[in-house]
Amino acid sequence: MCGIIVFPVVGAALCVHGMPVSDVLGLLTGCGVIGVVTTAVAGGGRALLSAVAGAAVRAAADSEHGAR
């Protein structure tokens, strides 16, 4: 729940201080994935962990494809 407030605030602060939006989005996405994976591992949710890992791989592939 805290991420709903913190992520936009951190993103806005980084943008104001000159970080490119694409870098901010990549950083915040990585932080979100780490949080979800940590929660899934702590809760023992293998199905959730598998779904998140698959989504992360697809997102990384899409971002690489878009960068070309």
N, C-alpha and C. Protein backbone atom coordinates (compact mmCIF):
# COMPACT_ATOMS: atom_id res chain seq x y z
N MET A 1 0.82 -1.19 0.00
CA MET A 1 0.00 0.00 0.00
C MET A 1 0.86 1.26 0.00
N CYS A 2 1.96 1.20 0.71
CA CYS A 2 2.84 2.35 0.80
C CYS A 2 3.43 2.71 -0.57
N GLY A 3 3.65 1.68 -1.41
CA GLY A 3 4.21 1.93 -2.74
C GLY A 3 3.34 2.80 -3.61
N ILE A 4 2.03 2.76 -3.36
CA ILE A 4 1.10 3.59 -4.14
C ILE A 4 1.43 5.06 -3.94
N ILE A 5 1.89 5.42 -2.77
CA ILE A 5 2.23 6.81 -2.48
C ILE A 5 3.70 7.09 -2.77
N VAL A 6 4.57 6.17 -2.37
CA VAL A 6 6.00 6.42 -2.44
C VAL A 6 6.53 6.42 -3.87
N PHE A 7 6.09 5.47 -4.71
CA PHE A 7 6.64 5.38 -6.05
C PHE A 7 6.41 6.65 -6.89
N PRO A 8 5.20 7.20 -6.93
CA PRO A 8 5.03 8.45 -7.70
C PRO A 8 5.84 9.61 -7.13
N VAL A 9 5.95 9.69 -5.81
CA VAL A 9 6.72 10.78 -5.19
C VAL A 9 8.20 10.65 -5.55
N VAL A 10 8.74 9.45 -5.43
CA VAL A 10 10.14 9.23 -5.77
C VAL A 10 10.37 9.50 -7.26
N GLY A 11 9.46 9.00 -8.10
CA GLY A 11 9.58 9.22 -9.54
C GLY A 11 9.57 10.69 -9.90
N ALA A 12 8.65 11.43 -9.30
CA ALA A 12 8.57 12.87 -9.56
C ALA A 12 9.84 13.58 -9.09
N ALA A 13 10.33 13.22 -7.92
CA ALA A 13 11.55 13.85 -7.40
C ALA A 13 12.74 13.58 -8.31
N LEU A 14 12.86 12.34 -8.77
CA LEU A 14 13.97 12.02 -9.67
C LEU A 14 13.87 12.76 -10.99
N CYS A 15 12.66 12.88 -11.52
CA CYS A 15 12.48 13.63 -12.78
C CYS A 15 12.82 15.10 -12.61
N VAL A 16 12.40 15.67 -11.49
CA VAL A 16 12.68 17.09 -11.23
C VAL A 16 14.18 17.33 -11.14
N HIS A 17 14.90 16.35 -10.64
CA HIS A 17 16.35 16.50 -10.49
C HIS A 17 17.13 16.04 -11.72
N GLY A 18 16.42 15.82 -12.84
CA GLY A 18 17.10 15.60 -14.10
C GLY A 18 17.24 14.17 -14.59
N MET A 19 16.70 13.20 -13.90
CA MET A 19 16.80 11.82 -14.37
C MET A 19 15.78 11.60 -15.49
N PRO A 20 16.18 11.00 -16.61
CA PRO A 20 15.24 10.75 -17.70
C PRO A 20 14.08 9.85 -17.26
N VAL A 21 12.90 10.10 -17.82
CA VAL A 21 11.70 9.36 -17.44
C VAL A 21 11.88 7.86 -17.65
N SER A 22 12.51 7.46 -18.75
CA SER A 22 12.70 6.03 -19.00
C SER A 22 13.54 5.37 -17.91
N ASP A 23 14.54 6.08 -17.40
CA ASP A 23 15.36 5.54 -16.31
C ASP A 23 14.57 5.46 -15.01
N VAL A 24 13.74 6.48 -14.76
CA VAL A 24 12.91 6.48 -13.55
C VAL A 24 11.94 5.29 -13.59
N LEU A 25 11.31 5.08 -14.73
CA LEU A 25 10.35 3.97 -14.85
C LEU A 25 11.05 2.63 -14.68
N GLY A 26 12.22 2.47 -15.25
CA GLY A 26 12.98 1.23 -15.08
C GLY A 26 13.37 0.99 -13.64
N LEU A 27 13.82 2.03 -12.97
CA LEU A 27 14.21 1.91 -11.57
C LEU A 27 13.01 1.54 -10.69
N LEU A 28 11.91 2.23 -10.86
CA LEU A 28 10.73 1.96 -10.04
C LEU A 28 10.12 0.60 -10.35
N THR A 29 10.18 0.17 -11.60
CA THR A 29 9.71 -1.16 -11.96
C THR A 29 10.54 -2.23 -11.27
N GLY A 30 11.84 -2.05 -11.30
CA GLY A 30 12.73 -2.99 -10.62
C GLY A 30 12.46 -3.05 -9.13
N CYS A 31 12.24 -1.89 -8.51
CA CYS A 31 11.92 -1.87 -7.08
C CYS A 31 10.61 -2.58 -6.80
N GLY A 32 9.62 -2.36 -7.65
CA GLY A 32 8.33 -3.02 -7.48
C GLY A 32 8.44 -4.52 -7.62
N VAL A 33 9.20 -4.98 -8.60
CA VAL A 33 9.39 -6.42 -8.80
C VAL A 33 10.09 -7.04 -7.59
N ILE A 34 11.10 -6.37 -7.09
CA ILE A 34 11.80 -6.88 -5.90
C ILE A 34 10.84 -6.99 -4.72
N GLY A 35 9.99 -5.99 -4.54
CA GLY A 35 9.02 -6.03 -3.45
C GLY A 35 8.02 -7.16 -3.59
N VAL A 36 7.52 -7.37 -4.81
CA VAL A 36 6.55 -8.45 -5.04
C VAL A 36 7.20 -9.81 -4.85
N VAL A 37 8.40 -9.98 -5.37
CA VAL A 37 9.09 -11.26 -5.23
C VAL A 37 9.39 -11.55 -3.76
N THR A 38 9.83 -10.55 -3.03
CA THR A 38 10.10 -10.73 -1.60
C THR A 38 8.84 -11.14 -0.86
N THR A 39 7.73 -10.48 -1.16
CA THR A 39 6.46 -10.81 -0.52
C THR A 39 6.02 -12.23 -0.88
N ALA A 40 6.19 -12.59 -2.14
CA ALA A 40 5.78 -13.93 -2.58
C ALA A 40 6.63 -15.01 -1.93
N VAL A 41 7.93 -14.78 -1.83
CA VAL A 41 8.81 -15.76 -1.22
C VAL A 41 8.50 -15.89 0.27
N ALA A 42 8.29 -14.76 0.93
CA ALA A 42 7.99 -14.79 2.36
C ALA A 42 6.66 -15.48 2.63
N GLY A 43 5.71 -15.32 1.71
CA GLY A 43 4.41 -15.94 1.86
C GLY A 43 4.34 -17.35 1.31
N GLY A 44 5.38 -17.79 0.67
CA GLY A 44 5.41 -19.14 0.11
C GLY A 44 4.56 -19.29 -1.14
N GLY A 45 4.27 -18.21 -1.84
CA GLY A 45 3.41 -18.27 -3.02
C GLY A 45 4.19 -18.59 -4.28
N ARG A 46 4.39 -19.88 -4.56
CA ARG A 46 5.17 -20.27 -5.74
C ARG A 46 4.47 -19.88 -7.04
N ALA A 47 3.15 -20.00 -7.09
CA ALA A 47 2.42 -19.65 -8.31
C ALA A 47 2.55 -18.15 -8.58
N LEU A 48 2.42 -17.34 -7.54
CA LEU A 48 2.57 -15.89 -7.70
C LEU A 48 3.98 -15.55 -8.13
N LEU A 49 4.96 -16.18 -7.51
CA LEU A 49 6.35 -15.94 -7.86
C LEU A 49 6.61 -16.29 -9.32
N SER A 50 6.07 -17.40 -9.78
CA SER A 50 6.23 -17.82 -11.17
C SER A 50 5.58 -16.81 -12.11
N ALA A 51 4.39 -16.34 -11.76
CA ALA A 51 3.70 -15.36 -12.61
C ALA A 51 4.46 -14.04 -12.67
N VAL A 52 4.99 -13.60 -11.54
CA VAL A 52 5.74 -12.35 -11.50
C VAL A 52 7.04 -12.48 -12.29
N ALA A 53 7.71 -13.62 -12.14
CA ALA A 53 8.96 -13.83 -12.88
C ALA A 53 8.70 -13.82 -14.39
N GLY A 54 7.62 -14.47 -14.81
CA GLY A 54 7.26 -14.46 -16.22
C GLY A 54 6.95 -13.06 -16.72
N ALA A 55 6.22 -12.29 -15.91
CA ALA A 55 5.90 -10.92 -16.29
C ALA A 55 7.15 -10.05 -16.37
N ALA A 56 8.08 -10.26 -15.44
CA ALA A 56 9.33 -9.49 -15.46
C ALA A 56 10.15 -9.80 -16.70
N VAL A 57 10.20 -11.06 -17.08
CA VAL A 57 10.95 -11.45 -18.28
C VAL A 57 10.31 -10.84 -19.52
N ARG A 58 8.98 -10.91 -19.60
CA ARG A 58 8.28 -10.31 -20.75
C ARG A 58 8.48 -8.81 -20.80
N ALA A 59 8.43 -8.15 -19.64
CA ALA A 59 8.62 -6.69 -19.60
C ALA A 59 10.03 -6.32 -20.03
N ALA A 60 11.01 -7.10 -19.58
CA ALA A 60 12.40 -6.83 -19.98
C ALA A 60 12.58 -7.03 -21.48
N ALA A 61 11.94 -8.06 -22.03
CA ALA A 61 12.05 -8.30 -23.46
C ALA A 61 11.38 -7.18 -24.25
N ASP A 62 10.24 -6.69 -23.76
CA ASP A 62 9.54 -5.60 -24.44
C ASP A 62 10.36 -4.31 -24.38
N SER A 63 11.01 -4.04 -23.25
CA SER A 63 11.78 -2.81 -23.14
C SER A 63 13.02 -2.87 -24.02
N GLU A 64 13.62 -4.04 -24.15
CA GLU A 64 14.76 -4.20 -25.05
C GLU A 64 14.33 -4.01 -26.49
N HIS A 65 13.20 -4.57 -26.84
CA HIS A 65 12.71 -4.46 -28.21
C HIS A 65 12.37 -3.00 -28.55
N GLY A 66 11.81 -2.26 -27.59
CA GLY A 66 11.44 -0.88 -27.82
C GLY A 66 12.64 0.04 -27.91
N ALA A 67 13.78 -0.36 -27.33
CA ALA A 67 14.96 0.49 -27.31
C ALA A 67 15.69 0.51 -28.65
N ARG A 68 15.38 -0.42 -29.52
CA ARG A 68 16.11 -0.49 -30.80
C ARG A 68 15.71 0.56 -31.76
